[in-house]
Amino acid sequence: MTRQVLSNRFTELLAIKARREKRRISQREVARETGLAKRTVDSYARNEVTRYDAPVVLALCNYLGCDAGELLVIEDVEDPQMQTALLLA
């Protein structure tokens, strides 16, 4: 079985921005330029965010030159716990 999760494309969009600008962009630079905490930027980079605050999403979208729908995506993922539950039922 699958379940849906909300994830972000921060790392992908940052790589696109870096290629477009022909330079390396560090997460520390993103934090400095957006005014966000480095820990927040790191959480987005690792896709470990579980709460999406509007000011953070807006700051990242403005920096990356994207819309919220480009940054945040809904994905279907395999859920092994649901598979096990079905087998045991």
PDB file of N, CA and C in Angstrom:
ATOM      1  N   MET A   1       0.835  -1.179   0.000  1.00  0.00           N
ATOM      2  CA  MET A   1       0.000   0.000   0.000  1.00  0.00           C
ATOM      3  C   MET A   1       0.882   1.246   0.000  1.00  0.00           C
ATOM      4  N   THR A   2       0.305   2.298  -0.449  1.00  0.00           N
ATOM      5  CA  THR A   2       1.025   3.562  -0.462  1.00  0.00           C
ATOM      6  C   THR A   2       0.300   4.575   0.412  1.00  0.00           C
ATOM      7  N   ARG A   3       1.035   5.565   0.818  1.00  0.00           N
ATOM      8  CA  ARG A   3       0.459   6.694   1.555  1.00  0.00           C
ATOM      9  C   ARG A   3       1.035   7.964   0.943  1.00  0.00           C
ATOM     10  N   GLN A   4       0.387   9.059   1.190  1.00  0.00           N
ATOM     11  CA  GLN A   4       0.865  10.328   0.641  1.00  0.00           C
ATOM     12  C   GLN A   4       1.633  11.092   1.718  1.00  0.00           C
ATOM     13  N   VAL A   5       2.705  11.740   1.292  1.00  0.00           N
ATOM     14  CA  VAL A   5       3.490  12.587   2.181  1.00  0.00           C
ATOM     15  C   VAL A   5       3.737  13.927   1.496  1.00  0.00           C
ATOM     16  N   LEU A   6       3.861  14.950   2.303  1.00  0.00           N
ATOM     17  CA  LEU A   6       4.223  16.268   1.788  1.00  0.00           C
ATOM     18  C   LEU A   6       5.734  16.392   1.930  1.00  0.00           C
ATOM     19  N   SER A   7       6.410  16.658   0.842  1.00  0.00           N
ATOM     20  CA  SER A   7       7.859  16.831   0.889  1.00  0.00           C
ATOM     21  C   SER A   7       8.229  18.104   0.144  1.00  0.00           C
ATOM     22  N   ASN A   8       9.514  18.424   0.174  1.00  0.00           N
ATOM     23  CA  ASN A   8       9.931  19.650  -0.484  1.00  0.00           C
ATOM     24  C   ASN A   8      11.043  19.379  -1.483  1.00  0.00           C
ATOM     25  N   ARG A   9      11.186  20.287  -2.429  1.00  0.00           N
ATOM     26  CA  ARG A   9      12.192  20.175  -3.490  1.00  0.00           C
ATOM     27  C   ARG A   9      13.303  21.212  -3.301  1.00  0.00           C
ATOM     28  N   PHE A  10      13.564  21.592  -2.050  1.00  0.00           N
ATOM     29  CA  PHE A  10      14.536  22.638  -1.770  1.00  0.00           C
ATOM     30  C   PHE A  10      15.895  22.344  -2.404  1.00  0.00           C
ATOM     31  N   THR A  11      16.428  21.159  -2.161  1.00  0.00           N
ATOM     32  CA  THR A  11      17.759  20.825  -2.665  1.00  0.00           C
ATOM     33  C   THR A  11      17.809  20.876  -4.187  1.00  0.00           C
ATOM     34  N   GLU A  12      16.779  20.352  -4.833  1.00  0.00           N
ATOM     35  CA  GLU A  12      16.710  20.365  -6.296  1.00  0.00           C
ATOM     36  C   GLU A  12      16.631  21.792  -6.835  1.00  0.00           C
ATOM     37  N   LEU A  13      15.773  22.608  -6.221  1.00  0.00           N
ATOM     38  CA  LEU A  13      15.615  23.987  -6.683  1.00  0.00           C
ATOM     39  C   LEU A  13      16.866  24.820  -6.403  1.00  0.00           C
ATOM     40  N   LEU A  14      17.557  24.529  -5.302  1.00  0.00           N
ATOM     41  CA  LEU A  14      18.809  25.230  -5.011  1.00  0.00           C
ATOM     42  C   LEU A  14      19.878  24.871  -6.048  1.00  0.00           C
ATOM     43  N   ALA A  15      19.924  23.604  -6.445  1.00  0.00           N
ATOM     44  CA  ALA A  15      20.881  23.182  -7.481  1.00  0.00           C
ATOM     45  C   ALA A  15      20.577  23.867  -8.810  1.00  0.00           C
ATOM     46  N   ILE A  16      19.313  24.012  -9.145  1.00  0.00           N
ATOM     47  CA  ILE A  16      18.920  24.699 -10.382  1.00  0.00           C
ATOM     48  C   ILE A  16      19.355  26.158 -10.323  1.00  0.00           C
ATOM     49  N   LYS A  17      19.136  26.813  -9.185  1.00  0.00           N
ATOM     50  CA  LYS A  17      19.551  28.214  -9.019  1.00  0.00           C
ATOM     51  C   LYS A  17      21.072  28.325  -9.141  1.00  0.00           C
ATOM     52  N   ALA A  18      21.798  27.406  -8.537  1.00  0.00           N
ATOM     53  CA  ALA A  18      23.265  27.438  -8.596  1.00  0.00           C
ATOM     54  C   ALA A  18      23.759  27.252 -10.030  1.00  0.00           C
ATOM     55  N   ARG A  19      23.147  26.339 -10.770  1.00  0.00           N
ATOM     56  CA  ARG A  19      23.525  26.145 -12.180  1.00  0.00           C
ATOM     57  C   ARG A  19      23.217  27.385 -13.006  1.00  0.00           C
ATOM     58  N   ARG A  20      22.058  27.964 -12.759  1.00  0.00           N
ATOM     59  CA  ARG A  20      21.646  29.159 -13.492  1.00  0.00           C
ATOM     60  C   ARG A  20      22.624  30.314 -13.229  1.00  0.00           C
ATOM     61  N   GLU A  21      23.075  30.427 -11.992  1.00  0.00           N
ATOM     62  CA  GLU A  21      23.992  31.511 -11.621  1.00  0.00           C
ATOM     63  C   GLU A  21      25.470  31.115 -11.772  1.00  0.00           C
ATOM     64  N   LYS A  22      25.705  29.863 -12.171  1.00  0.00           N
ATOM     65  CA  LYS A  22      27.070  29.365 -12.399  1.00  0.00           C
ATOM     66  C   LYS A  22      27.969  29.554 -11.182  1.00  0.00           C
ATOM     67  N   ARG A  23      27.450  29.123 -10.030  1.00  0.00           N
ATOM     68  CA  ARG A  23      28.233  29.202  -8.799  1.00  0.00           C
ATOM     69  C   ARG A  23      27.672  28.229  -7.774  1.00  0.00           C
ATOM     70  N   ARG A  24      28.476  27.945  -6.765  1.00  0.00           N
ATOM     71  CA  ARG A  24      28.028  27.089  -5.675  1.00  0.00           C
ATOM     72  C   ARG A  24      27.296  27.960  -4.653  1.00  0.00           C
ATOM     73  N   ILE A  25      26.171  27.473  -4.153  1.00  0.00           N
ATOM     74  CA  ILE A  25      25.416  28.209  -3.135  1.00  0.00           C
ATOM     75  C   ILE A  25      25.317  27.319  -1.902  1.00  0.00           C
ATOM     76  N   SER A  26      25.876  27.765  -0.812  1.00  0.00           N
ATOM     77  CA  SER A  26      25.860  26.971   0.418  1.00  0.00           C
ATOM     78  C   SER A  26      24.556  27.193   1.180  1.00  0.00           C
ATOM     79  N   GLN A  27      24.240  26.251   2.047  1.00  0.00           N
ATOM     80  CA  GLN A  27      23.063  26.400   2.891  1.00  0.00           C
ATOM     81  C   GLN A  27      23.256  27.565   3.852  1.00  0.00           C
ATOM     82  N   ARG A  28      24.499  27.801   4.263  1.00  0.00           N
ATOM     83  CA  ARG A  28      24.797  28.948   5.136  1.00  0.00           C
ATOM     84  C   ARG A  28      24.462  30.263   4.411  1.00  0.00           C
ATOM     85  N   GLU A  29      24.772  30.318   3.115  1.00  0.00           N
ATOM     86  CA  GLU A  29      24.450  31.514   2.331  1.00  0.00           C
ATOM     87  C   GLU A  29      22.941  31.694   2.220  1.00  0.00           C
ATOM     88  N   VAL A  30      22.227  30.604   2.003  1.00  0.00           N
ATOM     89  CA  VAL A  30      20.760  30.683   1.929  1.00  0.00           C
ATOM     90  C   VAL A  30      20.212  31.236   3.239  1.00  0.00           C
ATOM     91  N   ALA A  31      20.716  30.737   4.365  1.00  0.00           N
ATOM     92  CA  ALA A  31      20.258  31.212   5.671  1.00  0.00           C
ATOM     93  C   ALA A  31      20.541  32.706   5.825  1.00  0.00           C
ATOM     94  N   ARG A  32      21.737  33.113   5.464  1.00  0.00           N
ATOM     95  CA  ARG A  32      22.127  34.521   5.588  1.00  0.00           C
ATOM     96  C   ARG A  32      21.252  35.417   4.698  1.00  0.00           C
ATOM     97  N   GLU A  33      21.053  35.004   3.447  1.00  0.00           N
ATOM     98  CA  GLU A  33      20.307  35.831   2.480  1.00  0.00           C
ATOM     99  C   GLU A  33      18.807  35.893   2.783  1.00  0.00           C
ATOM    100  N   THR A  34      18.257  34.830   3.373  1.00  0.00           N
ATOM    101  CA  THR A  34      16.817  34.785   3.642  1.00  0.00           C
ATOM    102  C   THR A  34      16.465  35.245   5.048  1.00  0.00           C
ATOM    103  N   GLY A  35      17.467  35.281   5.937  1.00  0.00           N
ATOM    104  CA  GLY A  35      17.187  35.612   7.327  1.00  0.00           C
ATOM    105  C   GLY A  35      16.661  34.431   8.122  1.00  0.00           C
ATOM    106  N   LEU A  36      16.671  33.247   7.526  1.00  0.00           N
ATOM    107  CA  LEU A  36      16.208  32.045   8.210  1.00  0.00           C
ATOM    108  C   LEU A  36      17.340  31.454   9.041  1.00  0.00           C
ATOM    109  N   ALA A  37      16.986  30.704  10.057  1.00  0.00           N
ATOM    110  CA  ALA A  37      17.984  30.013  10.868  1.00  0.00           C
ATOM    111  C   ALA A  37      18.654  28.926  10.022  1.00  0.00           C
ATOM    112  N   LYS A  38      19.943  28.725  10.241  1.00  0.00           N
ATOM    113  CA  LYS A  38      20.664  27.680   9.496  1.00  0.00           C
ATOM    114  C   LYS A  38      20.032  26.322   9.743  1.00  0.00           C
ATOM    115  N   ARG A  39      19.596  26.084  10.949  1.00  0.00           N
ATOM    116  CA  ARG A  39      18.947  24.809  11.288  1.00  0.00           C
ATOM    117  C   ARG A  39      17.680  24.589  10.451  1.00  0.00           C
ATOM    118  N   THR A  40      16.939  25.655  10.201  1.00  0.00           N
ATOM    119  CA  THR A  40      15.732  25.559   9.374  1.00  0.00           C
ATOM    120  C   THR A  40      16.104  25.188   7.947  1.00  0.00           C
ATOM    121  N   VAL A  41      17.106  25.869   7.397  1.00  0.00           N
ATOM    122  CA  VAL A  41      17.561  25.574   6.035  1.00  0.00           C
ATOM    123  C   VAL A  41      18.076  24.140   5.954  1.00  0.00           C
ATOM    124  N   ASP A  42      18.824  23.712   6.969  1.00  0.00           N
ATOM    125  CA  ASP A  42      19.332  22.333   7.004  1.00  0.00           C
ATOM    126  C   ASP A  42      18.179  21.321   7.009  1.00  0.00           C
ATOM    127  N   SER A  43      17.139  21.612   7.757  1.00  0.00           N
ATOM    128  CA  SER A  43      15.974  20.715   7.817  1.00  0.00           C
ATOM    129  C   SER A  43      15.300  20.602   6.458  1.00  0.00           C
ATOM    130  N   TYR A  44      15.206  21.707   5.746  1.00  0.00           N
ATOM    131  CA  TYR A  44      14.644  21.660   4.396  1.00  0.00           C
ATOM    132  C   TYR A  44      15.553  20.859   3.479  1.00  0.00           C
ATOM    133  N   ALA A  45      16.852  21.047   3.601  1.00  0.00           N
ATOM    134  CA  ALA A  45      17.803  20.337   2.740  1.00  0.00           C
ATOM    135  C   ALA A  45      17.738  18.833   2.966  1.00  0.00           C
ATOM    136  N   ARG A  46      17.491  18.417   4.202  1.00  0.00           N
ATOM    137  CA  ARG A  46      17.385  16.982   4.506  1.00  0.00           C
ATOM    138  C   ARG A  46      15.957  16.457   4.337  1.00  0.00           C
ATOM    139  N   ASN A  47      15.041  17.348   3.967  1.00  0.00           N
ATOM    140  CA  ASN A  47      13.624  17.013   3.792  1.00  0.00           C
ATOM    141  C   ASN A  47      13.041  16.407   5.077  1.00  0.00           C
ATOM    142  N   GLU A  48      13.387  17.021   6.187  1.00  0.00           N
ATOM    143  CA  GLU A  48      12.918  16.561   7.495  1.00  0.00           C
ATOM    144  C   GLU A  48      11.865  17.479   8.104  1.00  0.00           C
ATOM    145  N   VAL A  49      11.334  18.398   7.319  1.00  0.00           N
ATOM    146  CA  VAL A  49      10.356  19.361   7.822  1.00  0.00           C
ATOM    147  C   VAL A  49       9.001  18.683   7.943  1.00  0.00           C
ATOM    148  N   THR A  50       8.341  18.888   9.084  1.00  0.00           N
ATOM    149  CA  THR A  50       6.996  18.341   9.273  1.00  0.00           C
ATOM    150  C   THR A  50       5.954  19.445   9.456  1.00  0.00           C
ATOM    151  N   ARG A  51       6.436  20.669   9.637  1.00  0.00           N
ATOM    152  CA  ARG A  51       5.535  21.812   9.799  1.00  0.00           C
ATOM    153  C   ARG A  51       6.025  22.917   8.871  1.00  0.00           C
ATOM    154  N   TYR A  52       5.181  23.337   7.974  1.00  0.00           N
ATOM    155  CA  TYR A  52       5.557  24.316   6.963  1.00  0.00           C
ATOM    156  C   TYR A  52       4.966  25.673   7.325  1.00  0.00           C
ATOM    157  N   ASP A  53       5.807  26.538   7.881  1.00  0.00           N
ATOM    158  CA  ASP A  53       5.366  27.874   8.270  1.00  0.00           C
ATOM    159  C   ASP A  53       5.375  28.794   7.053  1.00  0.00           C
ATOM    160  N   ALA A  54       4.318  29.563   6.906  1.00  0.00           N
ATOM    161  CA  ALA A  54       4.167  30.442   5.750  1.00  0.00           C
ATOM    162  C   ALA A  54       5.346  31.399   5.557  1.00  0.00           C
ATOM    163  N   PRO A  55       5.846  32.062   6.598  1.00  0.00           N
ATOM    164  CA  PRO A  55       6.974  32.983   6.372  1.00  0.00           C
ATOM    165  C   PRO A  55       8.231  32.265   5.854  1.00  0.00           C
ATOM    166  N   VAL A  56       8.459  31.043   6.304  1.00  0.00           N
ATOM    167  CA  VAL A  56       9.628  30.276   5.847  1.00  0.00           C
ATOM    168  C   VAL A  56       9.451  29.884   4.384  1.00  0.00           C
ATOM    169  N   VAL A  57       8.282  29.361   4.051  1.00  0.00           N
ATOM    170  CA  VAL A  57       8.004  28.972   2.666  1.00  0.00           C
ATOM    171  C   VAL A  57       8.122  30.187   1.752  1.00  0.00           C
ATOM    172  N   LEU A  58       7.574  31.302   2.172  1.00  0.00           N
ATOM    173  CA  LEU A  58       7.646  32.528   1.367  1.00  0.00           C
ATOM    174  C   LEU A  58       9.092  32.978   1.171  1.00  0.00           C
ATOM    175  N   ALA A  59       9.898  32.953   2.234  1.00  0.00           N
ATOM    176  CA  ALA A  59      11.307  33.367   2.133  1.00  0.00           C
ATOM    177  C   ALA A  59      12.071  32.456   1.172  1.00  0.00           C
ATOM    178  N   LEU A  60      11.854  31.145   1.277  1.00  0.00           N
ATOM    179  CA  LEU A  60      12.549  30.210   0.383  1.00  0.00           C
ATOM    180  C   LEU A  60      12.091  30.375  -1.059  1.00  0.00           C
ATOM    181  N   CYS A  61      10.794  30.546  -1.254  1.00  0.00           N
ATOM    182  CA  CYS A  61      10.281  30.729  -2.614  1.00  0.00           C
ATOM    183  C   CYS A  61      10.837  32.009  -3.239  1.00  0.00           C
ATOM    184  N   ASN A  62      10.882  33.075  -2.473  1.00  0.00           N
ATOM    185  CA  ASN A  62      11.445  34.325  -2.987  1.00  0.00           C
ATOM    186  C   ASN A  62      12.913  34.145  -3.341  1.00  0.00           C
ATOM    187  N   TYR A  63      13.668  33.461  -2.503  1.00  0.00           N
ATOM    188  CA  TYR A  63      15.096  33.258  -2.753  1.00  0.00           C
ATOM    189  C   TYR A  63      15.326  32.358  -3.971  1.00  0.00           C
ATOM    190  N   LEU A  64      14.543  31.291  -4.058  1.00  0.00           N
ATOM    191  CA  LEU A  64      14.733  30.308  -5.138  1.00  0.00           C
ATOM    192  C   LEU A  64      14.038  30.716  -6.438  1.00  0.00           C
ATOM    193  N   GLY A  65      13.183  31.723  -6.375  1.00  0.00           N
ATOM    194  CA  GLY A  65      12.464  32.165  -7.567  1.00  0.00           C
ATOM    195  C   GLY A  65      11.415  31.162  -8.016  1.00  0.00           C
ATOM    196  N   CYS A  66      10.656  30.644  -7.053  1.00  0.00           N
ATOM    197  CA  CYS A  66       9.639  29.636  -7.380  1.00  0.00           C
ATOM    198  C   CYS A  66       8.345  29.938  -6.638  1.00  0.00           C
ATOM    199  N   ASP A  67       7.317  29.178  -6.952  1.00  0.00           N
ATOM    200  CA  ASP A  67       6.042  29.245  -6.244  1.00  0.00           C
ATOM    201  C   ASP A  67       6.004  28.152  -5.187  1.00  0.00           C
ATOM    202  N   ALA A  68       5.093  28.285  -4.229  1.00  0.00           N
ATOM    203  CA  ALA A  68       4.958  27.284  -3.169  1.00  0.00           C
ATOM    204  C   ALA A  68       4.680  25.893  -3.753  1.00  0.00           C
ATOM    205  N   GLY A  69       3.913  25.846  -4.837  1.00  0.00           N
ATOM    206  CA  GLY A  69       3.597  24.569  -5.475  1.00  0.00           C
ATOM    207  C   GLY A  69       4.787  23.913  -6.155  1.00  0.00           C
ATOM    208  N   GLU A  70       5.821  24.686  -6.406  1.00  0.00           N
ATOM    209  CA  GLU A  70       7.051  24.116  -6.954  1.00  0.00           C
ATOM    210  C   GLU A  70       7.965  23.632  -5.833  1.00  0.00           C
ATOM    211  N   LEU A  71       7.902  24.295  -4.682  1.00  0.00           N
ATOM    212  CA  LEU A  71       8.729  23.915  -3.542  1.00  0.00           C
ATOM    213  C   LEU A  71       8.149  22.712  -2.805  1.00  0.00           C
ATOM    214  N   LEU A  72       6.847  22.730  -2.567  1.00  0.00           N
ATOM    215  CA  LEU A  72       6.185  21.667  -1.811  1.00  0.00           C
ATOM    216  C   LEU A  72       5.421  20.753  -2.753  1.00  0.00           C
ATOM    217  N   VAL A  73       5.619  19.451  -2.597  1.00  0.00           N
ATOM    218  CA  VAL A  73       4.952  18.482  -3.458  1.00  0.00           C
ATOM    219  C   VAL A  73       4.373  17.351  -2.621  1.00  0.00           C
ATOM    220  N   ILE A  74       3.292  16.767  -3.116  1.00  0.00           N
ATOM    221  CA  ILE A  74       2.688  15.590  -2.491  1.00  0.00           C
ATOM    222  C   ILE A  74       3.182  14.375  -3.257  1.00  0.00           C
ATOM    223  N   GLU A  75       3.734  13.417  -2.523  1.00  0.00           N
ATOM    224  CA  GLU A  75       4.271  12.210  -3.152  1.00  0.00           C
ATOM    225  C   GLU A  75       3.620  10.971  -2.564  1.00  0.00           C
ATOM    226  N   ASP A  76       3.472   9.955  -3.393  1.00  0.00           N
ATOM    227  CA  ASP A  76       3.029   8.650  -2.929  1.00  0.00           C
ATOM    228  C   ASP A  76       4.259   7.829  -2.571  1.00  0.00           C
ATOM    229  N   VAL A  77       4.268   7.252  -1.374  1.00  0.00           N
ATOM    230  CA  VAL A  77       5.391   6.420  -0.945  1.00  0.00           C
ATOM    231  C   VAL A  77       4.866   5.077  -0.458  1.00  0.00           C
ATOM    232  N   GLU A  78       5.676   4.067  -0.628  1.00  0.00           N
ATOM    233  CA  GLU A  78       5.325   2.739  -0.126  1.00  0.00           C
ATOM    234  C   GLU A  78       5.354   2.768   1.395  1.00  0.00           C
ATOM    235  N   ASP A  79       4.363   2.175   2.011  1.00  0.00           N
ATOM    236  CA  ASP A  79       4.296   2.124   3.472  1.00  0.00           C
ATOM    237  C   ASP A  79       4.379   0.676   3.914  1.00  0.00           C
ATOM    238  N   PRO A  80       5.564   0.211   4.312  1.00  0.00           N
ATOM    239  CA  PRO A  80       5.720  -1.194   4.690  1.00  0.00           C
ATOM    240  C   PRO A  80       4.862  -1.586   5.883  1.00  0.00           C
ATOM    241  N   GLN A  81       4.557  -0.653   6.786  1.00  0.00           N
ATOM    242  CA  GLN A  81       3.705  -0.984   7.928  1.00  0.00           C
ATOM    243  C   GLN A  81       2.288  -1.331   7.464  1.00  0.00           C
ATOM    244  N   MET A  82       1.787  -0.615   6.454  1.00  0.00           N
ATOM    245  CA  MET A  82       0.458  -0.922   5.941  1.00  0.00           C
ATOM    246  C   MET A  82       0.471  -2.288   5.253  1.00  0.00           C
ATOM    247  N   GLN A  83       1.564  -2.606   4.567  1.00  0.00           N
ATOM    248  CA  GLN A  83       1.684  -3.920   3.906  1.00  0.00           C
ATOM    249  C   GLN A  83       1.628  -5.021   4.956  1.00  0.00           C
ATOM    250  N   THR A  84       2.374  -4.866   6.048  1.00  0.00           N
ATOM    251  CA  THR A  84       2.406  -5.862   7.115  1.00  0.00           C
ATOM    252  C   THR A  84       1.032  -6.010   7.751  1.00  0.00           C
ATOM    253  N   ALA A  85       0.357  -4.907   7.986  1.00  0.00           N
ATOM    254  CA  ALA A  85      -0.976  -4.957   8.582  1.00  0.00           C
ATOM    255  C   ALA A  85      -1.950  -5.727   7.709  1.00  0.00           C
ATOM    256  N   LEU A  86      -1.865  -5.565   6.398  1.00  0.00           N
ATOM    257  CA  LEU A  86      -2.737  -6.287   5.484  1.00  0.00           C
ATOM    258  C   LEU A  86      -2.441  -7.775   5.497  1.00  0.00           C
ATOM    259  N   LEU A  87      -1.175  -8.121   5.577  1.00  0.00           N
ATOM    260  CA  LEU A  87      -0.780  -9.543   5.599  1.00  0.00           C
ATOM    261  C   LEU A  87      -1.250 -10.222   6.876  1.00  0.00           C
ATOM    262  N   LEU A  88      -1.251  -9.508   7.984  1.00  0.00           N
ATOM    263  CA  LEU A  88      -1.655 -10.087   9.268  1.00  0.00           C
ATOM    264  C   LEU A  88      -3.163 -10.137   9.446  1.00  0.00           C
ATOM    265  N   ALA A  89      -3.885  -9.365   8.672  1.00  0.00           N
ATOM    266  CA  ALA A  89      -5.348  -9.293   8.834  1.00  0.00           C
ATOM    267  C   ALA A  89      -6.035 -10.535   8.322  1.00  0.00           C
TER     268      ALA A  89
END
